[in-house]
PDB file of N, CA and C in Angstrom:
ATOM      1  N   MET A   1     -72.833-111.824 -76.056  1.00  0.00           N
ATOM      2  CA  MET A   1     -74.144-112.019 -75.436  1.00  0.00           C
ATOM      3  C   MET A   1     -75.115-110.970 -75.990  1.00  0.00           C
ATOM      4  N   MET A   2     -76.334-111.403 -76.276  1.00  0.00           N
ATOM      5  CA  MET A   2     -77.312-110.509 -76.867  1.00  0.00           C
ATOM      6  C   MET A   2     -78.013-109.692 -75.784  1.00  0.00           C
ATOM      7  N   ASN A   3     -78.144-108.430 -76.035  1.00  0.00           N
ATOM      8  CA  ASN A   3     -78.822-107.510 -75.136  1.00  0.00           C
ATOM      9  C   ASN A   3     -80.326-107.848 -75.108  1.00  0.00           C
ATOM     10  N   ILE A   4     -80.942-107.800 -73.944  1.00  0.00           N
ATOM     11  CA  ILE A   4     -82.364-108.125 -73.812  1.00  0.00           C
ATOM     12  C   ILE A   4     -83.228-107.163 -74.619  1.00  0.00           C
ATOM     13  N   TYR A   5     -82.799-105.917 -74.738  1.00  0.00           N
ATOM     14  CA  TYR A   5     -83.566-104.940 -75.508  1.00  0.00           C
ATOM     15  C   TYR A   5     -83.494-105.246 -77.004  1.00  0.00           C
ATOM     16  N   LEU A   6     -82.331-105.657 -77.469  1.00  0.00           N
ATOM     17  CA  LEU A   6     -82.183-106.047 -78.871  1.00  0.00           C
ATOM     18  C   LEU A   6     -83.030-107.289 -79.168  1.00  0.00           C
ATOM     19  N   LEU A   7     -83.014-108.222 -78.255  1.00  0.00           N
ATOM     20  CA  LEU A   7     -83.836-109.422 -78.398  1.00  0.00           C
ATOM     21  C   LEU A   7     -85.317-109.041 -78.456  1.00  0.00           C
ATOM     22  N   SER A   8     -85.724-108.104 -77.637  1.00  0.00           N
ATOM     23  CA  SER A   8     -87.108-107.642 -77.616  1.00  0.00           C
ATOM     24  C   SER A   8     -87.482-106.965 -78.933  1.00  0.00           C
ATOM     25  N   ILE A   9     -86.568-106.174 -79.487  1.00  0.00           N
ATOM     26  CA  ILE A   9     -86.815-105.515 -80.774  1.00  0.00           C
ATOM     27  C   ILE A   9     -86.962-106.560 -81.880  1.00  0.00           C
ATOM     28  N   LEU A  10     -86.057-107.534 -81.903  1.00  0.00           N
ATOM     29  CA  LEU A  10     -86.130-108.588 -82.914  1.00  0.00           C
ATOM     30  C   LEU A  10     -87.422-109.390 -82.782  1.00  0.00           C
ATOM     31  N   PHE A  11     -87.780-109.734 -81.557  1.00  0.00           N
ATOM     32  CA  PHE A  11     -89.018-110.472 -81.321  1.00  0.00           C
ATOM     33  C   PHE A  11     -90.222-109.667 -81.802  1.00  0.00           C
ATOM     34  N   SER A  12     -90.252-108.378 -81.509  1.00  0.00           N
ATOM     35  CA  SER A  12     -91.365-107.520 -81.914  1.00  0.00           C
ATOM     36  C   SER A  12     -91.503-107.477 -83.436  1.00  0.00           C
ATOM     37  N   LEU A  13     -90.381-107.342 -84.126  1.00  0.00           N
ATOM     38  CA  LEU A  13     -90.414-107.293 -85.590  1.00  0.00           C
ATOM     39  C   LEU A  13     -90.883-108.613 -86.191  1.00  0.00           C
ATOM     40  N   VAL A  14     -90.352-109.724 -85.685  1.00  0.00           N
ATOM     41  CA  VAL A  14     -90.777-111.041 -86.174  1.00  0.00           C
ATOM     42  C   VAL A  14     -92.257-111.252 -85.873  1.00  0.00           C
ATOM     43  N   PHE A  15     -92.675-110.841 -84.707  1.00  0.00           N
ATOM     44  CA  PHE A  15     -94.075-110.972 -84.300  1.00  0.00           C
ATOM     45  C   PHE A  15     -94.989-110.187 -85.236  1.00  0.00           C
ATOM     46  N   LEU A  16     -94.638-108.926 -85.523  1.00  0.00           N
ATOM     47  CA  LEU A  16     -95.456-108.099 -86.415  1.00  0.00           C
ATOM     48  C   LEU A  16     -95.509-108.675 -87.823  1.00  0.00           C
ATOM     49  N   ILE A  17     -94.395-109.134 -88.331  1.00  0.00           N
ATOM     50  CA  ILE A  17     -94.368-109.746 -89.668  1.00  0.00           C
ATOM     51  C   ILE A  17     -95.231-110.997 -89.702  1.00  0.00           C
ATOM     52  N   THR A  18     -95.162-111.804 -88.655  1.00  0.00           N
ATOM     53  CA  THR A  18     -95.972-113.024 -88.579  1.00  0.00           C
ATOM     54  C   THR A  18     -97.457-112.688 -88.567  1.00  0.00           C
ATOM     55  N   ILE A  19     -97.863-111.716 -87.782  1.00  0.00           N
ATOM     56  CA  ILE A  19     -99.274-111.319 -87.719  1.00  0.00           C
ATOM     57  C   ILE A  19     -99.748-110.831 -89.074  1.00  0.00           C
ATOM     58  N   LEU A  20     -98.966-109.980 -89.722  1.00  0.00           N
ATOM     59  CA  LEU A  20     -99.357-109.461 -91.036  1.00  0.00           C
ATOM     60  C   LEU A  20     -99.444-110.582 -92.074  1.00  0.00           C
ATOM     61  N   GLU A  21     -98.554-111.539 -91.991  1.00  0.00           N
ATOM     62  CA  GLU A  21     -98.589-112.674 -92.918  1.00  0.00           C
ATOM     63  C   GLU A  21     -99.823-113.542 -92.671  1.00  0.00           C
ATOM     64  N   LEU A  22    -100.173-113.759 -91.413  1.00  0.00           N
ATOM     65  CA  LEU A  22    -101.378-114.537 -91.093  1.00  0.00           C
ATOM     66  C   LEU A  22    -102.634-113.844 -91.612  1.00  0.00           C
ATOM     67  N   VAL A  23    -102.676-112.527 -91.522  1.00  0.00           N
ATOM     68  CA  VAL A  23    -103.821-111.773 -92.047  1.00  0.00           C
ATOM     69  C   VAL A  23    -103.838-111.887 -93.567  1.00  0.00           C
ATOM     70  N   ARG A  24    -102.683-111.743 -94.193  1.00  0.00           N
ATOM     71  CA  ARG A  24    -102.600-111.828 -95.654  1.00  0.00           C
ATOM     72  C   ARG A  24    -103.072-113.191 -96.157  1.00  0.00           C
ATOM     73  N   LEU A  25    -102.734-114.250 -95.435  1.00  0.00           N
ATOM     74  CA  LEU A  25    -103.134-115.606 -95.815  1.00  0.00           C
ATOM     75  C   LEU A  25    -104.552-115.940 -95.355  1.00  0.00           C
ATOM     76  N   ARG A  26    -105.205-114.982 -94.720  1.00  0.00           N
ATOM     77  CA  ARG A  26    -106.568-115.143 -94.210  1.00  0.00           C
ATOM     78  C   ARG A  26    -106.684-116.266 -93.170  1.00  0.00           C
ATOM     79  N   LYS A  27    -105.631-116.427 -92.390  1.00  0.00           N
ATOM     80  CA  LYS A  27    -105.661-117.386 -91.280  1.00  0.00           C
ATOM     81  C   LYS A  27    -105.990-116.693 -89.972  1.00  0.00           C
ATOM     82  N   LEU A  28    -106.018-115.361 -90.012  1.00  0.00           N
ATOM     83  CA  LEU A  28    -106.355-114.555 -88.848  1.00  0.00           C
ATOM     84  C   LEU A  28    -107.236-113.409 -89.318  1.00  0.00           C
ATOM     85  N   LYS A  29    -108.392-113.264 -88.689  1.00  0.00           N
ATOM     86  CA  LYS A  29    -109.312-112.191 -89.071  1.00  0.00           C
ATOM     87  C   LYS A  29    -108.754-110.839 -88.649  1.00  0.00           C
ATOM     88  N   GLU A  30    -109.102-109.836 -89.438  1.00  0.00           N
ATOM     89  CA  GLU A  30    -108.609-108.490 -89.176  1.00  0.00           C
ATOM     90  C   GLU A  30    -109.009-107.989 -87.796  1.00  0.00           C
ATOM     91  N   GLN A  31    -110.238-108.319 -87.376  1.00  0.00           N
ATOM     92  CA  GLN A  31    -110.721-107.809 -86.091  1.00  0.00           C
ATOM     93  C   GLN A  31    -109.861-108.296 -84.928  1.00  0.00           C
ATOM     94  N   TYR A  32    -109.311-109.501 -85.022  1.00  0.00           N
ATOM     95  CA  TYR A  32    -108.458-110.009 -83.956  1.00  0.00           C
ATOM     96  C   TYR A  32    -107.016-109.557 -84.142  1.00  0.00           C
ATOM     97  N   SER A  33    -106.617-109.350 -85.391  1.00  0.00           N
ATOM     98  CA  SER A  33    -105.240-108.970 -85.656  1.00  0.00           C
ATOM     99  C   SER A  33    -104.932-107.563 -85.144  1.00  0.00           C
ATOM    100  N   LEU A  34    -105.938-106.711 -85.062  1.00  0.00           N
ATOM    101  CA  LEU A  34    -105.693-105.343 -84.601  1.00  0.00           C
ATOM    102  C   LEU A  34    -105.103-105.309 -83.202  1.00  0.00           C
ATOM    103  N   LEU A  35    -105.629-106.143 -82.316  1.00  0.00           N
ATOM    104  CA  LEU A  35    -105.085-106.193 -80.952  1.00  0.00           C
ATOM    105  C   LEU A  35    -103.645-106.699 -80.954  1.00  0.00           C
ATOM    106  N   TRP A  36    -103.378-107.724 -81.775  1.00  0.00           N
ATOM    107  CA  TRP A  36    -102.026-108.271 -81.831  1.00  0.00           C
ATOM    108  C   TRP A  36    -101.062-107.275 -82.449  1.00  0.00           C
ATOM    109  N   ILE A  37    -101.498-106.587 -83.497  1.00  0.00           N
ATOM    110  CA  ILE A  37    -100.631-105.577 -84.118  1.00  0.00           C
ATOM    111  C   ILE A  37    -100.347-104.451 -83.132  1.00  0.00           C
ATOM    112  N   LEU A  38    -101.378-104.018 -82.415  1.00  0.00           N
ATOM    113  CA  LEU A  38    -101.196-102.981 -81.406  1.00  0.00           C
ATOM    114  C   LEU A  38    -100.175-103.416 -80.366  1.00  0.00           C
ATOM    115  N   MET A  39    -100.272-104.644 -79.917  1.00  0.00           N
ATOM    116  CA  MET A  39     -99.323-105.158 -78.926  1.00  0.00           C
ATOM    117  C   MET A  39     -97.911-105.185 -79.491  1.00  0.00           C
ATOM    118  N   GLY A  40     -97.760-105.653 -80.722  1.00  0.00           N
ATOM    119  CA  GLY A  40     -96.447-105.716 -81.345  1.00  0.00           C
ATOM    120  C   GLY A  40     -95.819-104.346 -81.514  1.00  0.00           C
ATOM    121  N   VAL A  41     -96.617-103.381 -81.969  1.00  0.00           N
ATOM    122  CA  VAL A  41     -96.118-102.015 -82.149  1.00  0.00           C
ATOM    123  C   VAL A  41     -95.749-101.408 -80.799  1.00  0.00           C
ATOM    124  N   LEU A  42     -96.609-101.600 -79.806  1.00  0.00           N
ATOM    125  CA  LEU A  42     -96.328-101.074 -78.470  1.00  0.00           C
ATOM    126  C   LEU A  42     -95.032-101.666 -77.915  1.00  0.00           C
ATOM    127  N   LEU A  43     -94.871-102.959 -78.062  1.00  0.00           N
ATOM    128  CA  LEU A  43     -93.649-103.612 -77.574  1.00  0.00           C
ATOM    129  C   LEU A  43     -92.429-103.101 -78.330  1.00  0.00           C
ATOM    130  N   LEU A  44     -92.575-102.897 -79.636  1.00  0.00           N
ATOM    131  CA  LEU A  44     -91.464-102.378 -80.431  1.00  0.00           C
ATOM    132  C   LEU A  44     -91.090-100.963 -79.996  1.00  0.00           C
ATOM    133  N   VAL A  45     -92.082-100.106 -79.818  1.00  0.00           N
ATOM    134  CA  VAL A  45     -91.819 -98.714 -79.408  1.00  0.00           C
ATOM    135  C   VAL A  45     -91.161 -98.677 -78.031  1.00  0.00           C
ATOM    136  N   ILE A  46     -91.682 -99.476 -77.128  1.00  0.00           N
ATOM    137  CA  ILE A  46     -91.107 -99.504 -75.779  1.00  0.00           C
ATOM    138  C   ILE A  46     -89.685-100.061 -75.808  1.00  0.00           C
ATOM    139  N   SER A  47     -89.465-101.082 -76.624  1.00  0.00           N
ATOM    140  CA  SER A  47     -88.132-101.684 -76.714  1.00  0.00           C
ATOM    141  C   SER A  47     -87.114-100.728 -77.326  1.00  0.00           C
ATOM    142  N   LEU A  48     -87.563 -99.882 -78.230  1.00  0.00           N
ATOM    143  CA  LEU A  48     -86.664 -98.926 -78.866  1.00  0.00           C
ATOM    144  C   LEU A  48     -86.308 -97.764 -77.945  1.00  0.00           C
ATOM    145  N   ASN A  49     -87.106 -97.539 -76.917  1.00  0.00           N
ATOM    146  CA  ASN A  49     -86.893 -96.428 -75.989  1.00  0.00           C
ATOM    147  C   ASN A  49     -86.518 -96.964 -74.605  1.00  0.00           C
ATOM    148  N   VAL A  50     -85.261 -97.362 -74.488  1.00  0.00           N
ATOM    149  CA  VAL A  50     -84.776 -97.980 -73.249  1.00  0.00           C
ATOM    150  C   VAL A  50     -84.951 -97.038 -72.065  1.00  0.00           C
ATOM    151  N   LYS A  51     -84.751 -95.744 -72.283  1.00  0.00           N
ATOM    152  CA  LYS A  51     -84.872 -94.779 -71.167  1.00  0.00           C
ATOM    153  C   LYS A  51     -86.297 -94.760 -70.624  1.00  0.00           C
ATOM    154  N   TRP A  52     -87.304 -94.937 -71.497  1.00  0.00           N
ATOM    155  CA  TRP A  52     -88.701 -94.982 -71.039  1.00  0.00           C
ATOM    156  C   TRP A  52     -88.903 -96.173 -70.105  1.00  0.00           C
ATOM    157  N   ILE A  53     -88.369 -97.316 -70.506  1.00  0.00           N
ATOM    158  CA  ILE A  53     -88.527 -98.524 -69.689  1.00  0.00           C
ATOM    159  C   ILE A  53     -87.860 -98.323 -68.330  1.00  0.00           C
ATOM    160  N   GLU A  54     -86.664 -97.779 -68.359  1.00  0.00           N
ATOM    161  CA  GLU A  54     -85.938 -97.589 -67.105  1.00  0.00           C
ATOM    162  C   GLU A  54     -86.620 -96.571 -66.197  1.00  0.00           C
ATOM    163  N   LYS A  55     -87.163 -95.487 -66.779  1.00  0.00           N
ATOM    164  CA  LYS A  55     -87.897 -94.499 -65.964  1.00  0.00           C
ATOM    165  C   LYS A  55     -89.160 -95.114 -65.364  1.00  0.00           C
ATOM    166  N   LEU A  56     -89.918 -95.800 -66.204  1.00  0.00           N
ATOM    167  CA  LEU A  56     -91.159 -96.413 -65.727  1.00  0.00           C
ATOM    168  C   LEU A  56     -90.869 -97.478 -64.670  1.00  0.00           C
ATOM    169  N   ALA A  57     -89.829 -98.255 -64.902  1.00  0.00           N
ATOM    170  CA  ALA A  57     -89.439 -99.268 -63.909  1.00  0.00           C
ATOM    171  C   ALA A  57     -89.052 -98.604 -62.592  1.00  0.00           C
ATOM    172  N   GLY A  58     -88.368 -97.475 -62.683  1.00  0.00           N
ATOM    173  CA  GLY A  58     -88.009 -96.740 -61.466  1.00  0.00           C
ATOM    174  C   GLY A  58     -89.239 -96.249 -60.725  1.00  0.00           C
ATOM    175  N   TRP A  59     -90.204 -95.704 -61.461  1.00  0.00           N
ATOM    176  CA  TRP A  59     -91.447 -95.231 -60.824  1.00  0.00           C
ATOM    177  C   TRP A  59     -92.218 -96.371 -60.174  1.00  0.00           C
ATOM    178  N   LEU A  60     -92.167 -97.549 -60.796  1.00  0.00           N
ATOM    179  CA  LEU A  60     -92.901 -98.705 -60.270  1.00  0.00           C
ATOM    180  C   LEU A  60     -92.070 -99.531 -59.290  1.00  0.00           C
ATOM    181  N   HIS A  61     -90.839 -99.061 -59.010  1.00  0.00           N
ATOM    182  CA  HIS A  61     -89.923 -99.747 -58.096  1.00  0.00           C
ATOM    183  C   HIS A  61     -89.609-101.172 -58.559  1.00  0.00           C
ATOM    184  N   ILE A  62     -89.426-101.319 -59.859  1.00  0.00           N
ATOM    185  CA  ILE A  62     -89.009-102.595 -60.437  1.00  0.00           C
ATOM    186  C   ILE A  62     -87.499-102.510 -60.645  1.00  0.00           C
ATOM    187  N   GLU A  63     -86.767-103.405 -60.010  1.00  0.00           N
ATOM    188  CA  GLU A  63     -85.307-103.315 -60.030  1.00  0.00           C
ATOM    189  C   GLU A  63     -84.707-103.694 -61.382  1.00  0.00           C
ATOM    190  N   TYR A  64     -85.272-104.680 -62.045  1.00  0.00           N
ATOM    191  CA  TYR A  64     -84.750-105.128 -63.332  1.00  0.00           C
ATOM    192  C   TYR A  64     -85.697-104.615 -64.419  1.00  0.00           C
ATOM    193  N   ALA A  65     -85.316-103.517 -65.047  1.00  0.00           N
ATOM    194  CA  ALA A  65     -86.184-102.814 -65.997  1.00  0.00           C
ATOM    195  C   ALA A  65     -86.717-103.702 -67.129  1.00  0.00           C
ATOM    196  N   PRO A  66     -85.921-104.597 -67.732  1.00  0.00           N
ATOM    197  CA  PRO A  66     -86.474-105.429 -68.812  1.00  0.00           C
ATOM    198  C   PRO A  66     -87.635-106.322 -68.366  1.00  0.00           C
ATOM    199  N   ALA A  67     -87.742-106.577 -67.064  1.00  0.00           N
ATOM    200  CA  ALA A  67     -88.874-107.363 -66.570  1.00  0.00           C
ATOM    201  C   ALA A  67     -90.196-106.660 -66.865  1.00  0.00           C
ATOM    202  N   LEU A  68     -90.122-105.344 -67.026  1.00  0.00           N
ATOM    203  CA  LEU A  68     -91.316-104.569 -67.356  1.00  0.00           C
ATOM    204  C   LEU A  68     -91.875-104.964 -68.714  1.00  0.00           C
ATOM    205  N   LEU A  69     -90.997-105.310 -69.662  1.00  0.00           N
ATOM    206  CA  LEU A  69     -91.447-105.786 -70.970  1.00  0.00           C
ATOM    207  C   LEU A  69     -92.276-107.059 -70.820  1.00  0.00           C
ATOM    208  N   PHE A  70     -91.805-107.959 -69.986  1.00  0.00           N
ATOM    209  CA  PHE A  70     -92.538-109.201 -69.757  1.00  0.00           C
ATOM    210  C   PHE A  70     -93.854-108.936 -69.035  1.00  0.00           C
ATOM    211  N   LEU A  71     -93.846-107.971 -68.139  1.00  0.00           N
ATOM    212  CA  LEU A  71     -95.081-107.598 -67.446  1.00  0.00           C
ATOM    213  C   LEU A  71     -96.114-107.074 -68.439  1.00  0.00           C
ATOM    214  N   PHE A  72     -95.682-106.207 -69.367  1.00  0.00           N
ATOM    215  CA  PHE A  72     -96.599-105.701 -70.396  1.00  0.00           C
ATOM    216  C   PHE A  72     -97.158-106.847 -71.224  1.00  0.00           C
ATOM    217  N   GLY A  73     -96.292-107.775 -71.604  1.00  0.00           N
ATOM    218  CA  GLY A  73     -96.741-108.925 -72.394  1.00  0.00           C
ATOM    219  C   GLY A  73     -97.741-109.775 -71.638  1.00  0.00           C
ATOM    220  N   LEU A  74     -97.477-110.003 -70.377  1.00  0.00           N
ATOM    221  CA  LEU A  74     -98.376-110.805 -69.551  1.00  0.00           C
ATOM    222  C   LEU A  74     -99.728-110.121 -69.369  1.00  0.00           C
ATOM    223  N   LEU A  75     -99.698-108.817 -69.099  1.00  0.00           N
ATOM    224  CA  LEU A  75    -100.956-108.082 -68.948  1.00  0.00           C
ATOM    225  C   LEU A  75    -101.760-108.087 -70.246  1.00  0.00           C
ATOM    226  N   PHE A  76    -101.078-107.941 -71.378  1.00  0.00           N
ATOM    227  CA  PHE A  76    -101.765-108.001 -72.656  1.00  0.00           C
ATOM    228  C   PHE A  76    -102.424-109.363 -72.845  1.00  0.00           C
ATOM    229  N   CYS A  77    -101.701-110.421 -72.499  1.00  0.00           N
ATOM    230  CA  CYS A  77    -102.268-111.773 -72.633  1.00  0.00           C
ATOM    231  C   CYS A  77    -103.521-111.928 -71.778  1.00  0.00           C
ATOM    232  N   PHE A  78    -103.500-111.397 -70.566  1.00  0.00           N
ATOM    233  CA  PHE A  78    -104.683-111.465 -69.706  1.00  0.00           C
ATOM    234  C   PHE A  78    -105.866-110.731 -70.330  1.00  0.00           C
ATOM    235  N   VAL A  79    -105.602-109.536 -70.854  1.00  0.00           N
ATOM    236  CA  VAL A  79    -106.676-108.754 -71.481  1.00  0.00           C
ATOM    237  C   VAL A  79    -107.202-109.477 -72.711  1.00  0.00           C
ATOM    238  N   PHE A  80    -106.310-110.050 -73.505  1.00  0.00           N
ATOM    239  CA  PHE A  80    -106.736-110.734 -74.720  1.00  0.00           C
ATOM    240  C   PHE A  80    -107.513-112.005 -74.394  1.00  0.00           C
ATOM    241  N   ILE A  81    -107.090-112.733 -73.376  1.00  0.00           N
ATOM    242  CA  ILE A  81    -107.834-113.928 -72.955  1.00  0.00           C
ATOM    243  C   ILE A  81    -109.224-113.538 -72.472  1.00  0.00           C
ATOM    244  N   LEU A  82    -109.333-112.441 -71.739  1.00  0.00           N
ATOM    245  CA  LEU A  82    -110.644-111.962 -71.303  1.00  0.00           C
ATOM    246  C   LEU A  82    -111.508-111.619 -72.514  1.00  0.00           C
ATOM    247  N   HIS A  83    -110.933-110.931 -73.496  1.00  0.00           N
ATOM    248  CA  HIS A  83    -111.667-110.586 -74.715  1.00  0.00           C
ATOM    249  C   HIS A  83    -112.163-111.854 -75.427  1.00  0.00           C
ATOM    250  N   LEU A  84    -111.289-112.847 -75.565  1.00  0.00           N
ATOM    251  CA  LEU A  84    -111.688-114.085 -76.230  1.00  0.00           C
ATOM    252  C   LEU A  84    -112.759-114.837 -75.442  1.00  0.00           C
ATOM    253  N   THR A  85    -112.690-114.774 -74.129  1.00  0.00           N
ATOM    254  CA  THR A  85    -113.710-115.416 -73.298  1.00  0.00           C
ATOM    255  C   THR A  85    -115.069-114.759 -73.526  1.00  0.00           C
ATOM    256  N   ILE A  86    -115.084-113.445 -73.654  1.00  0.00           N
ATOM    257  CA  ILE A  86    -116.333-112.728 -73.941  1.00  0.00           C
ATOM    258  C   ILE A  86    -116.872-113.136 -75.307  1.00  0.00           C
ATOM    259  N   VAL A  87    -115.995-113.228 -76.306  1.00  0.00           N
ATOM    260  CA  VAL A  87    -116.413-113.644 -77.652  1.00  0.00           C
ATOM    261  C   VAL A  87    -116.970-115.059 -77.620  1.00  0.00           C
ATOM    262  N   ILE A  88    -116.298-115.971 -76.919  1.00  0.00           N
ATOM    263  CA  ILE A  88    -116.765-117.357 -76.824  1.00  0.00           C
ATOM    264  C   ILE A  88    -118.116-117.420 -76.128  1.00  0.00           C
ATOM    265  N   THR A  89    -118.312-116.629 -75.100  1.00  0.00           N
ATOM    266  CA  THR A  89    -119.595-116.601 -74.391  1.00  0.00           C
ATOM    267  C   THR A  89    -120.716-116.169 -75.328  1.00  0.00           C
ATOM    268  N   LYS A  90    -120.483-115.109 -76.109  1.00  0.00           N
ATOM    269  CA  LYS A  90    -121.488-114.645 -77.067  1.00  0.00           C
ATOM    270  C   LYS A  90    -121.786-115.718 -78.102  1.00  0.00           C
ATOM    271  N   LEU A  91    -120.743-116.358 -78.618  1.00  0.00           N
ATOM    272  CA  LEU A  91    -120.934-117.401 -79.628  1.00  0.00           C
ATOM    273  C   LEU A  91    -121.688-118.598 -79.051  1.00  0.00           C
ATOM    274  N   SER A  92    -121.394-118.959 -77.818  1.00  0.00           N
ATOM    275  CA  SER A  92    -122.111-120.067 -77.166  1.00  0.00           C
ATOM    276  C   SER A  92    -123.598-119.753 -77.028  1.00  0.00           C
ATOM    277  N   GLN A  93    -123.901-118.511 -76.656  1.00  0.00           N
ATOM    278  CA  GLN A  93    -125.298-118.101 -76.542  1.00  0.00           C
ATOM    279  C   GLN A  93    -125.991-118.139 -77.901  1.00  0.00           C
ATOM    280  N   GLN A  94    -125.285-117.713 -78.952  1.00  0.00           N
ATOM    281  CA  GLN A  94    -125.868-117.742 -80.300  1.00  0.00           C
ATOM    282  C   GLN A  94    -126.104-119.166 -80.768  1.00  0.00           C
ATOM    283  N   VAL A  95    -125.148-120.062 -80.495  1.00  0.00           N
ATOM    284  CA  VAL A  95    -125.308-121.467 -80.881  1.00  0.00           C
ATOM    285  C   VAL A  95    -126.496-122.078 -80.158  1.00  0.00           C
ATOM    286  N   LEU A  96    -126.653-121.796 -78.879  1.00  0.00           N
ATOM    287  CA  LEU A  96    -127.777-122.309 -78.113  1.00  0.00           C
ATOM    288  C   LEU A  96    -129.097-121.803 -78.690  1.00  0.00           C
ATOM    289  N   ARG A  97    -129.150-120.496 -78.974  1.00  0.00           N
ATOM    290  CA  ARG A  97    -130.369-119.916 -79.532  1.00  0.00           C
ATOM    291  C   ARG A  97    -130.690-120.518 -80.907  1.00  0.00           C
ATOM    292  N   LEU A  98    -129.689-120.660 -81.749  1.00  0.00           N
ATOM    293  CA  LEU A  98    -129.904-121.236 -83.079  1.00  0.00           C
ATOM    294  C   LEU A  98    -130.335-122.701 -82.994  1.00  0.00           C
ATOM    295  N   THR A  99    -129.755-123.444 -82.067  1.00  0.00           N
ATOM    296  CA  THR A  99    -130.148-124.839 -81.864  1.00  0.00           C
ATOM    297  C   THR A  99    -131.607-124.924 -81.438  1.00  0.00           C
ATOM    298  N   GLN A 100    -132.015-124.049 -80.544  1.00  0.00           N
ATOM    299  CA  GLN A 100    -133.414-124.024 -80.112  1.00  0.00           C
ATOM    300  C   GLN A 100    -134.344-123.671 -81.268  1.00  0.00           C
ATOM    301  N   GLU A 101    -133.934-122.684 -82.085  1.00  0.00           N
ATOM    302  CA  GLU A 101    -134.764-122.294 -83.230  1.00  0.00           C
ATOM    303  C   GLU A 101    -134.881-123.425 -84.243  1.00  0.00           C
ATOM    304  N   ILE A 102    -133.782-124.138 -84.497  1.00  0.00           N
ATOM    305  CA  ILE A 102    -133.816-125.262 -85.437  1.00  0.00           C
ATOM    306  C   ILE A 102    -134.734-126.362 -84.914  1.00  0.00           C
ATOM    307  N   THR A 103    -134.659-126.628 -83.615  1.00  0.00           N
ATOM    308  CA  THR A 103    -135.519-127.647 -83.011  1.00  0.00           C
ATOM    309  C   THR A 103    -136.984-127.268 -83.159  1.00  0.00           C
ATOM    310  N   ILE A 104    -137.300-126.012 -82.924  1.00  0.00           N
ATOM    311  CA  ILE A 104    -138.687-125.534 -83.067  1.00  0.00           C
ATOM    312  C   ILE A 104    -139.125-125.667 -84.517  1.00  0.00           C
ATOM    313  N   LEU A 105    -138.271-125.262 -85.457  1.00  0.00           N
ATOM    314  CA  LEU A 105    -138.622-125.349 -86.877  1.00  0.00           C
ATOM    315  C   LEU A 105    -138.791-126.799 -87.329  1.00  0.00           C
ATOM    316  N   LYS A 106    -137.965-127.705 -86.834  1.00  0.00           N
ATOM    317  CA  LYS A 106    -138.107-129.126 -87.154  1.00  0.00           C
ATOM    318  C   LYS A 106    -139.432-129.658 -86.617  1.00  0.00           C
ATOM    319  N   GLY A 107    -139.784-129.198 -85.409  1.00  0.00           N
ATOM    320  CA  GLY A 107    -141.057-129.617 -84.829  1.00  0.00           C
ATOM    321  C   GLY A 107    -142.225-129.121 -85.661  1.00  0.00           C
ATOM    322  N   LYS A 108    -142.171-127.891 -86.104  1.00  0.00           N
ATOM    323  CA  LYS A 108    -143.234-127.343 -86.949  1.00  0.00           C
ATOM    324  C   LYS A 108    -143.272-128.052 -88.299  1.00  0.00           C
ATOM    325  N   GLY A 109    -142.084-128.386 -88.830  1.00  0.00           N
ATOM    326  CA  GLY A 109    -142.025-129.103 -90.106  1.00  0.00           C
ATOM    327  C   GLY A 109    -142.643-130.483 -89.978  1.00  0.00           C
ATOM    328  N   SER A 110    -142.383-131.161 -88.872  1.00  0.00           N
ATOM    329  CA  SER A 110    -142.982-132.476 -88.633  1.00  0.00           C
ATOM    330  C   SER A 110    -144.486-132.376 -88.519  1.00  0.00           C
ATOM    331  N   GLU A 111    -144.965-131.336 -87.835  1.00  0.00           N
ATOM    332  CA  GLU A 111    -146.410-131.141 -87.693  1.00  0.00           C
ATOM    333  C   GLU A 111    -147.065-130.908 -89.048  1.00  0.00           C
ATOM    334  N   LEU A 112    -146.443-130.104 -89.893  1.00  0.00           N
ATOM    335  CA  LEU A 112    -146.981-129.845 -91.232  1.00  0.00           C
ATOM    336  C   LEU A 112    -146.961-131.103 -92.071  1.00  0.00           C
ATOM    337  N   HIS A 113    -145.912-131.885 -91.954  1.00  0.00           N
ATOM    338  CA  HIS A 113    -145.831-133.137 -92.719  1.00  0.00           C
ATOM    339  C   HIS A 113    -146.927-134.107 -92.286  1.00  0.00           C
ATOM    340  N   GLU A 114    -147.158-134.212 -90.984  1.00  0.00           N
ATOM    341  CA  GLU A 114    -148.209-135.091 -90.460  1.00  0.00           C
ATOM    342  C   GLU A 114    -149.603-134.583 -90.852  1.00  0.00           C
ATOM    343  N   HIS A 115    -149.765-133.274 -90.848  1.00  0.00           N
ATOM    344  CA  HIS A 115    -151.058-132.656 -91.183  1.00  0.00           C
ATOM    345  C   HIS A 115    -151.398-132.882 -92.670  1.00  0.00           C
ATOM    346  N   ASN A 116    -150.400-132.868 -93.559  1.00  0.00           N
ATOM    347  CA  ASN A 116    -150.616-133.029 -94.984  1.00  0.00           C
ATOM    348  C   ASN A 116    -150.868-134.473 -95.387  1.00  0.00           C
ATOM    349  N   ARG A 117    -150.621-135.413 -94.533  1.00  0.00           N
ATOM    350  CA  ARG A 117    -150.849-136.834 -94.859  1.00  0.00           C
ATOM    351  C   ARG A 117    -152.271-137.129 -94.782  1.00  0.00           C
TER     352      ARG A 117
END
C-alpha cells in the first residue's frame, strides 16, 4: 500500500513538471504559472516534512494529519478562484469600455461619411 505522503510527493513533482511544460509550450502564461508553481513547491516541501504536518495538525486539532494537505490544496483553490474572478471582472469591464468606444467611433465614422456625401 502506498503511503499518503509518498503519493503527495509524487503528485507534487508531476504537478510541477506539468506546469513547467505548459509554460514552455506557451499554453500557460507566466503570470498565472507563478501561483501554481508556488502551490506545487509548497505542497512538495510540506509533503517532504511529515513532522511539520503532524505538528501543525496537532496545533489545529486535526486528527488525521494528511487531511491537512487536502485542506491546503482546497484553500489554495479558493484563493486562486478568487484571483481569477477578479481578473475576469477587470476584463469584462475593459470589453464593455472598448465596445462602447467602438460604437462611438462607428457613429462618428458614419457621421463623417454622411457629411462628405
